Amino acid sequence: MMLSDHLFRFFAHIICLTYISLIATKTQGPIGSLYRAGPKPYFTRLFNPETYDQAVLKYMAQDGCDRKEAQGNMDAFLDNPQDWGYQKMEEQNKGKAKKDYANANMGTKQVVLSTVWGGGVIFFLGDLTYKVLGNGVMAESFGRTKEILGF
């Protein structure tokens, strides 16, 4: 089996397991934040989980919503506070429809596309790093720099 076949199977398993875990729970982990709103809330949840959880609990208490909805709103806020605040003002003042941040970007098609795209980006960056640091692109220049710096 070729490496590409293994990678395809690996990402297919990741997609299935991620989707099942996201749908089966009423709360969503950091991967849910990554799918809903991108890398900013994801890294916030990874590196500052206590503050994130406190903000979610505060939002739940103030708005009277469940944890999933509060997490979706917190992810949207962390991703783009100005747009989130504007949307909330429009909902309160002008009676616009409430945006469902809890299920944003969580459709089956969007989850699959985001996973494939993210896998491609990770593969590209890994391959580029390997070529730069290994015997590929810029290896001679990198080697000379190491010699000059004394490594």
Foldseek 3Di string as FASTA:
>chain_A
DDPVVVLVVVLVVVLVVQLCVLVVDPADALVLLCQLQHDQVSVCCVPPVVVLVVQLVVCCVVVVDDSLQSNLLSSNCRRPVVVSVVLVCCCPPVVDDDDRSSCHLSDSVSSSVVSVVVSVVVVVVVVVVCQCCDVHPVVVVVVVVCVVVVD
